[in-house]
N, C-alpha and C. Protein backbone atom coordinates (compact mmCIF):
# COMPACT_ATOMS: atom_id res chain seq x y z
N UNK A 1 145.28 75.80 -187.40
CA UNK A 1 145.23 75.29 -186.07
C UNK A 1 144.65 75.92 -184.68
N UNK A 2 144.97 77.11 -184.85
CA UNK A 2 144.49 77.98 -183.93
C UNK A 2 143.12 78.90 -184.13
N UNK A 3 142.47 77.71 -184.22
CA UNK A 3 140.92 78.38 -184.49
C UNK A 3 139.97 78.37 -183.24
N UNK A 4 139.40 79.38 -183.19
CA UNK A 4 138.69 79.81 -181.82
C UNK A 4 139.15 79.61 -180.63
N UNK A 5 140.26 80.14 -180.57
CA UNK A 5 141.12 79.97 -179.19
C UNK A 5 140.24 80.66 -178.17
N UNK A 6 140.16 81.85 -178.69
CA UNK A 6 139.35 82.85 -177.39
C UNK A 6 138.09 82.07 -176.86
N UNK A 7 137.09 81.59 -178.01
CA UNK A 7 135.91 80.69 -177.76
C UNK A 7 136.24 79.73 -177.08
N UNK A 8 137.05 79.13 -177.06
CA UNK A 8 137.60 77.97 -176.33
C UNK A 8 137.80 78.31 -174.96
N UNK A 9 138.59 79.37 -175.08
CA UNK A 9 139.04 79.66 -173.48
C UNK A 9 137.74 80.10 -172.79
N UNK A 10 136.99 80.53 -173.35
CA UNK A 10 135.81 81.31 -172.65
C UNK A 10 135.01 80.45 -172.12
N UNK A 11 134.87 79.15 -173.11
CA UNK A 11 133.74 78.04 -172.70
C UNK A 11 134.44 77.20 -171.54
N UNK A 12 135.70 76.92 -171.59
CA UNK A 12 136.24 76.35 -170.46
C UNK A 12 136.22 77.16 -168.79
N UNK A 13 136.54 78.33 -169.20
CA UNK A 13 136.36 79.36 -167.94
C UNK A 13 134.97 79.20 -167.52
N UNK A 14 133.94 79.20 -168.30
CA UNK A 14 132.55 79.14 -167.82
C UNK A 14 132.21 77.58 -167.25
N UNK A 15 132.86 76.65 -167.61
CA UNK A 15 132.68 75.17 -167.01
C UNK A 15 133.45 75.24 -165.90
N UNK A 16 134.28 75.95 -165.61
CA UNK A 16 135.32 75.56 -164.44
C UNK A 16 134.39 75.32 -163.18
N UNK A 17 135.26 74.46 -162.28
CA UNK A 17 134.71 74.48 -161.22
C UNK A 17 134.55 75.44 -160.42
N UNK A 18 133.39 76.16 -159.57
CA UNK A 18 133.56 77.26 -158.84
C UNK A 18 134.05 76.99 -157.39
N UNK A 19 133.88 75.77 -157.22
CA UNK A 19 134.04 75.42 -155.77
C UNK A 19 135.50 75.98 -155.29
N UNK A 20 135.71 76.39 -154.00
CA UNK A 20 137.24 76.48 -153.24
C UNK A 20 137.87 75.59 -153.03
N UNK A 21 139.13 75.36 -153.52
CA UNK A 21 139.95 74.49 -153.25
C UNK A 21 141.47 74.67 -153.21
N UNK A 22 142.12 73.79 -152.55
CA UNK A 22 143.62 74.36 -152.38
C UNK A 22 144.53 73.03 -152.71
N UNK A 23 145.44 72.87 -152.98
CA UNK A 23 146.55 71.98 -153.39
C UNK A 23 148.05 72.09 -152.63
N UNK A 24 148.73 71.10 -152.34
CA UNK A 24 149.49 70.93 -151.89
C UNK A 24 150.49 69.76 -152.58
N UNK A 25 151.86 70.24 -153.33
CA UNK A 25 152.73 69.51 -154.19
C UNK A 25 153.73 68.92 -153.18
N UNK A 26 154.22 67.75 -153.87
CA UNK A 26 155.72 67.49 -153.27
C UNK A 26 155.54 67.40 -151.99
N UNK A 27 154.51 66.80 -151.09
CA UNK A 27 154.56 66.47 -149.81
C UNK A 27 155.31 65.24 -149.50
N UNK A 28 156.53 65.21 -148.39
CA UNK A 28 157.31 64.08 -148.34
C UNK A 28 156.72 63.10 -147.38
N UNK A 29 155.18 62.61 -147.94
CA UNK A 29 155.06 61.41 -146.97
C UNK A 29 153.96 60.59 -148.33
N UNK A 30 154.01 59.27 -148.08
CA UNK A 30 153.22 58.15 -148.67
C UNK A 30 151.98 58.82 -149.05
N UNK A 31 151.50 58.64 -150.19
CA UNK A 31 150.04 58.87 -150.51
C UNK A 31 149.06 58.04 -149.91
N UNK A 32 149.73 56.55 -149.58
CA UNK A 32 149.16 55.52 -148.77
C UNK A 32 148.82 56.14 -147.17
N UNK A 33 149.77 56.74 -146.85
CA UNK A 33 149.50 57.33 -144.98
C UNK A 33 148.68 58.49 -145.54
N UNK A 34 148.94 59.50 -146.50
CA UNK A 34 147.75 60.74 -146.24
C UNK A 34 146.30 60.18 -146.56
N UNK A 35 145.91 59.31 -147.67
CA UNK A 35 144.58 58.67 -147.72
C UNK A 35 144.15 58.26 -146.49
N UNK A 36 144.89 57.69 -145.82
CA UNK A 36 144.28 56.84 -144.11
C UNK A 36 143.62 58.49 -143.53
N UNK A 37 144.41 59.83 -143.67
CA UNK A 37 143.62 60.52 -143.11
C UNK A 37 142.57 61.39 -143.70
N UNK A 38 142.97 61.47 -144.95
CA UNK A 38 141.83 62.06 -145.67
C UNK A 38 140.16 61.45 -145.58
N UNK A 39 140.48 59.95 -145.37
CA UNK A 39 139.02 59.14 -145.50
C UNK A 39 138.36 59.59 -144.26
N UNK A 40 138.95 60.28 -142.97
CA UNK A 40 138.19 60.66 -141.55
C UNK A 40 137.75 61.79 -142.12
N UNK A 41 138.17 62.80 -142.91
CA UNK A 41 137.60 64.29 -142.82
C UNK A 41 136.89 64.56 -144.17
N UNK A 42 136.75 63.35 -145.17
CA UNK A 42 135.61 63.40 -146.19
C UNK A 42 134.31 63.43 -145.81
N UNK A 43 133.48 64.37 -146.06
CA UNK A 43 132.31 64.87 -146.18
C UNK A 43 132.17 65.83 -144.47
N UNK A 44 132.72 65.95 -143.69
CA UNK A 44 132.55 66.53 -142.51
C UNK A 44 132.76 67.74 -142.89
N UNK A 45 131.89 68.79 -142.03
CA UNK A 45 132.17 70.03 -141.82
C UNK A 45 133.40 70.51 -141.58
N UNK A 46 133.74 71.83 -141.80
CA UNK A 46 135.06 72.24 -141.95
C UNK A 46 135.72 72.62 -140.72
N UNK A 47 134.77 72.98 -139.52
CA UNK A 47 134.82 73.04 -138.15
C UNK A 47 135.35 71.48 -137.48
N UNK A 48 134.46 70.87 -138.10
CA UNK A 48 134.94 69.36 -137.21
C UNK A 48 135.88 68.82 -137.78
N UNK A 49 136.23 68.96 -139.09
CA UNK A 49 137.52 68.37 -139.82
C UNK A 49 138.74 68.77 -139.10
N UNK A 50 138.55 70.13 -138.89
CA UNK A 50 139.94 70.80 -138.46
C UNK A 50 140.25 70.36 -137.05
N UNK A 51 139.03 70.20 -136.28
CA UNK A 51 139.16 69.34 -135.04
C UNK A 51 139.83 68.08 -135.02
N UNK A 52 139.23 67.39 -135.83
CA UNK A 52 139.72 66.24 -136.08
C UNK A 52 141.30 66.02 -136.32
N UNK A 53 141.61 66.61 -137.37
CA UNK A 53 143.01 67.16 -137.62
C UNK A 53 143.87 67.42 -136.59
N UNK A 54 143.30 68.47 -135.85
CA UNK A 54 144.48 68.95 -134.73
C UNK A 54 144.59 67.93 -133.60
N UNK A 55 143.78 67.00 -133.58
CA UNK A 55 143.74 66.25 -132.46
C UNK A 55 144.07 64.65 -132.90
N UNK A 56 144.54 64.79 -134.28
CA UNK A 56 144.77 63.22 -134.66
C UNK A 56 146.43 63.03 -134.44
N UNK A 57 146.86 62.08 -134.41
CA UNK A 57 148.52 61.48 -133.90
C UNK A 57 149.11 60.84 -135.25
N UNK A 58 148.69 61.49 -136.34
CA UNK A 58 149.35 61.00 -137.68
C UNK A 58 150.22 61.90 -138.16
N UNK A 59 151.12 61.26 -138.84
CA UNK A 59 152.30 62.35 -139.57
C UNK A 59 151.48 63.25 -140.93
N UNK A 60 150.46 62.82 -141.00
CA UNK A 60 150.02 63.45 -142.43
C UNK A 60 148.82 64.49 -142.10
N UNK A 61 148.72 64.68 -140.82
CA UNK A 61 147.48 65.16 -140.41
C UNK A 61 147.92 66.89 -140.38
N UNK A 62 149.11 67.32 -140.52
CA UNK A 62 149.69 68.71 -140.05
C UNK A 62 149.45 69.03 -141.61
N UNK A 63 149.87 68.37 -142.65
CA UNK A 63 149.93 69.05 -144.08
C UNK A 63 148.36 69.01 -144.64
N UNK A 64 147.64 67.91 -144.12
CA UNK A 64 146.45 68.26 -144.77
C UNK A 64 145.71 69.27 -144.02
N UNK A 65 145.81 69.28 -142.63
CA UNK A 65 145.27 70.45 -141.88
C UNK A 65 145.77 72.23 -142.84
N UNK A 66 146.80 72.21 -143.08
CA UNK A 66 147.23 73.19 -143.86
C UNK A 66 146.65 73.52 -145.10
N UNK A 67 146.62 72.17 -146.02
CA UNK A 67 145.78 72.54 -147.43
C UNK A 67 144.10 72.94 -146.77
N UNK A 68 143.48 72.28 -145.79
CA UNK A 68 141.89 72.43 -145.32
C UNK A 68 141.94 73.93 -144.74
N UNK A 69 143.00 74.13 -144.54
CA UNK A 69 142.74 75.80 -143.70
C UNK A 69 142.95 77.08 -144.95
N UNK A 70 143.77 76.43 -145.97
CA UNK A 70 143.95 77.22 -147.22
C UNK A 70 143.02 77.21 -147.99
N UNK A 71 142.02 76.43 -147.93
CA UNK A 71 140.82 75.91 -149.03
C UNK A 71 139.85 77.07 -148.43
N UNK A 72 139.79 76.80 -147.02
CA UNK A 72 138.87 77.67 -146.38
C UNK A 72 139.03 79.07 -146.51
N UNK A 73 140.10 79.51 -146.25
CA UNK A 73 140.73 81.13 -146.42
C UNK A 73 140.65 81.57 -148.07
N UNK A 74 140.65 80.77 -149.04
CA UNK A 74 140.52 80.58 -150.08
C UNK A 74 138.98 81.17 -150.77
N UNK A 75 138.09 80.39 -149.84
CA UNK A 75 136.66 80.46 -150.31
C UNK A 75 135.88 81.77 -149.36
N UNK A 76 136.66 82.02 -148.53
CA UNK A 76 136.21 83.47 -147.51
C UNK A 76 136.71 84.83 -148.63
N UNK A 77 138.24 84.28 -148.94
CA UNK A 77 138.67 85.98 -149.74
C UNK A 77 138.75 85.92 -151.00
N UNK A 78 138.33 85.09 -151.81
CA UNK A 78 138.05 84.97 -153.23
C UNK A 78 136.82 84.92 -153.78
N UNK A 79 135.77 84.07 -152.73
CA UNK A 79 134.65 83.89 -153.06
C UNK A 79 133.41 84.40 -152.35
N UNK A 80 133.87 84.92 -151.15
CA UNK A 80 133.00 85.50 -150.22
C UNK A 80 132.09 84.26 -149.51
N UNK A 81 132.24 83.37 -149.20
CA UNK A 81 131.63 82.25 -148.26
C UNK A 81 131.95 82.41 -147.22
N UNK A 82 131.10 81.94 -145.95
CA UNK A 82 131.17 81.90 -144.68
C UNK A 82 131.71 80.77 -144.41
N UNK A 83 132.70 80.36 -143.73
CA UNK A 83 133.46 79.12 -143.06
C UNK A 83 132.47 78.60 -142.08
N UNK A 84 131.44 78.78 -141.51
CA UNK A 84 130.84 78.26 -140.85
C UNK A 84 129.61 77.20 -141.64
N UNK A 85 129.51 77.49 -142.99
CA UNK A 85 128.67 76.84 -143.80
C UNK A 85 129.47 75.77 -144.86
N UNK A 86 130.63 75.62 -144.60
CA UNK A 86 131.52 75.07 -145.59
C UNK A 86 131.74 73.51 -144.89
N UNK A 87 131.90 72.32 -145.81
CA UNK A 87 132.23 71.29 -145.48
C UNK A 87 133.09 70.68 -146.79
N UNK A 88 133.55 69.65 -146.14
CA UNK A 88 134.95 68.76 -147.37
C UNK A 88 134.19 68.00 -148.46
N UNK A 89 133.69 68.88 -149.43
CA UNK A 89 133.16 68.05 -150.48
C UNK A 89 134.07 66.76 -151.20
N UNK A 90 135.26 67.42 -151.64
CA UNK A 90 136.03 66.21 -152.21
C UNK A 90 137.49 66.22 -151.43
N UNK A 91 138.06 65.13 -151.68
CA UNK A 91 139.59 65.36 -150.73
C UNK A 91 140.20 64.01 -151.35
N UNK A 92 141.76 64.19 -152.07
CA UNK A 92 141.94 62.92 -152.55
C UNK A 92 143.94 63.75 -152.34
N UNK A 93 144.52 62.42 -152.45
CA UNK A 93 146.14 62.62 -152.48
C UNK A 93 146.56 61.68 -153.32
N UNK A 94 147.10 62.03 -154.45
CA UNK A 94 147.93 61.49 -155.97
C UNK A 94 149.22 61.14 -155.51
N UNK A 95 149.87 60.27 -156.22
CA UNK A 95 151.40 60.29 -156.15
C UNK A 95 151.95 61.31 -156.68
N UNK A 96 153.02 62.05 -156.05
CA UNK A 96 153.78 62.55 -156.98
C UNK A 96 155.17 61.99 -157.23
N UNK A 97 156.04 62.88 -157.43
CA UNK A 97 157.27 62.49 -158.03
C UNK A 97 158.27 61.87 -157.07
N UNK A 98 158.93 60.75 -157.31
CA UNK A 98 159.40 59.61 -156.63
C UNK A 98 161.12 59.97 -156.26
N UNK A 99 161.40 60.54 -155.37
CA UNK A 99 162.90 60.55 -155.17
C UNK A 99 163.55 59.21 -155.18
N UNK A 100 164.57 58.93 -156.01
CA UNK A 100 165.15 57.39 -155.98
C UNK A 100 166.61 57.34 -155.53
N UNK A 101 166.70 57.15 -154.48
CA UNK A 101 168.17 57.06 -153.55
C UNK A 101 168.71 55.47 -153.85
N UNK A 102 169.89 55.28 -153.30
CA UNK A 102 170.59 54.15 -153.30
C UNK A 102 171.09 53.89 -151.82
N UNK A 103 171.31 52.53 -151.55
CA UNK A 103 172.23 52.22 -150.26
C UNK A 103 173.16 51.03 -150.45
N UNK A 104 174.27 51.26 -150.07
CA UNK A 104 175.24 50.02 -150.13
C UNK A 104 174.90 49.33 -149.48
N UNK A 105 174.67 47.61 -150.37
CA UNK A 105 174.47 46.58 -150.14
C UNK A 105 175.86 45.37 -149.95
N UNK A 106 175.52 44.45 -149.63
CA UNK A 106 176.56 43.33 -149.62
C UNK A 106 177.43 42.86 -150.98
N UNK A 107 178.63 42.66 -151.25
CA UNK A 107 179.19 42.27 -152.04
C UNK A 107 178.85 43.47 -153.53
N UNK A 108 179.35 44.57 -153.03
CA UNK A 108 179.30 45.71 -154.02
C UNK A 108 178.02 45.88 -154.81
N UNK A 109 176.95 45.40 -154.28
CA UNK A 109 175.76 45.80 -154.78
C UNK A 109 175.31 47.16 -154.40
N UNK A 110 174.10 47.69 -154.95
CA UNK A 110 173.26 48.66 -154.37
C UNK A 110 171.92 48.09 -154.19
N UNK A 111 171.28 48.79 -153.17
CA UNK A 111 169.78 48.47 -152.68
C UNK A 111 169.21 49.79 -152.81
N UNK A 112 167.73 49.65 -153.79
CA UNK A 112 167.17 51.15 -154.24
C UNK A 112 165.84 51.43 -152.92
N UNK A 113 166.28 52.54 -152.88
CA UNK A 113 165.27 53.26 -151.46
C UNK A 113 164.59 54.51 -152.71
N UNK A 114 163.02 53.96 -152.26
CA UNK A 114 162.06 54.75 -153.15
C UNK A 114 161.71 55.86 -152.17
N UNK A 115 162.01 56.94 -151.97
CA UNK A 115 161.28 58.12 -151.35
C UNK A 115 160.02 58.79 -152.09
N UNK A 116 158.73 58.44 -151.33
CA UNK A 116 157.66 58.79 -152.02
C UNK A 116 157.13 59.78 -151.41
N UNK A 117 156.63 60.65 -152.75
CA UNK A 117 156.07 62.38 -152.21
C UNK A 117 154.66 62.33 -152.95
N UNK A 118 153.89 63.12 -152.78
CA UNK A 118 152.22 63.09 -152.35
C UNK A 118 151.87 64.74 -152.98
N UNK A 119 150.82 64.75 -153.54
CA UNK A 119 150.31 66.00 -154.26
C UNK A 119 148.73 65.80 -153.32
N UNK A 120 148.52 66.66 -152.57
CA UNK A 120 147.10 66.56 -151.59
C UNK A 120 146.29 67.83 -152.27
N UNK A 121 144.96 67.47 -152.56
CA UNK A 121 143.68 68.02 -152.90
C UNK A 121 142.56 68.13 -152.17
N UNK A 122 142.23 69.31 -151.57
CA UNK A 122 141.14 69.39 -151.10
C UNK A 122 140.22 70.67 -151.34
N UNK A 123 138.88 70.12 -151.50
CA UNK A 123 137.45 71.03 -152.12
C UNK A 123 136.36 71.07 -151.38
N UNK A 124 136.27 72.40 -151.02
CA UNK A 124 135.13 72.67 -149.96
C UNK A 124 134.19 72.91 -150.80
N UNK A 125 132.70 73.07 -150.21
CA UNK A 125 131.70 73.53 -150.58
C UNK A 125 130.73 73.73 -149.67
N UNK A 126 129.57 74.58 -149.86
CA UNK A 126 128.48 75.33 -148.99
C UNK A 126 127.44 73.85 -148.99
N UNK A 127 126.89 74.07 -147.51
CA UNK A 127 125.85 73.31 -147.30
C UNK A 127 124.58 73.76 -148.03
N UNK A 128 123.90 72.88 -148.38
CA UNK A 128 122.30 73.80 -149.26
C UNK A 128 121.40 73.84 -147.96
């Protein structure tokens, strides 16, 4: 069963994505609302994306801004990249866990409330 574990781990590490990235999990905003903000910054330069997010009047812009800044900090500190040459290569929001709550309704019934969460991922890359 456990054959070639070290070799497989080495191959996985070599084939891993070398681009700087950051994730935020369990953000209490619906992924549908976050995707609207991510569509605005996809493909933009890092400084332009930060400027857009700072001036955007959406509730999802603050968590997305934090993730973009975190990815840029990872690029500078871990991979020695210059933040002036970075751009948003990929960004997506997946659905996280859903908090299920109930509210009292008429005739002794219960109505269901779904409080959705999202996980935001931003991947930066250098312009060639």
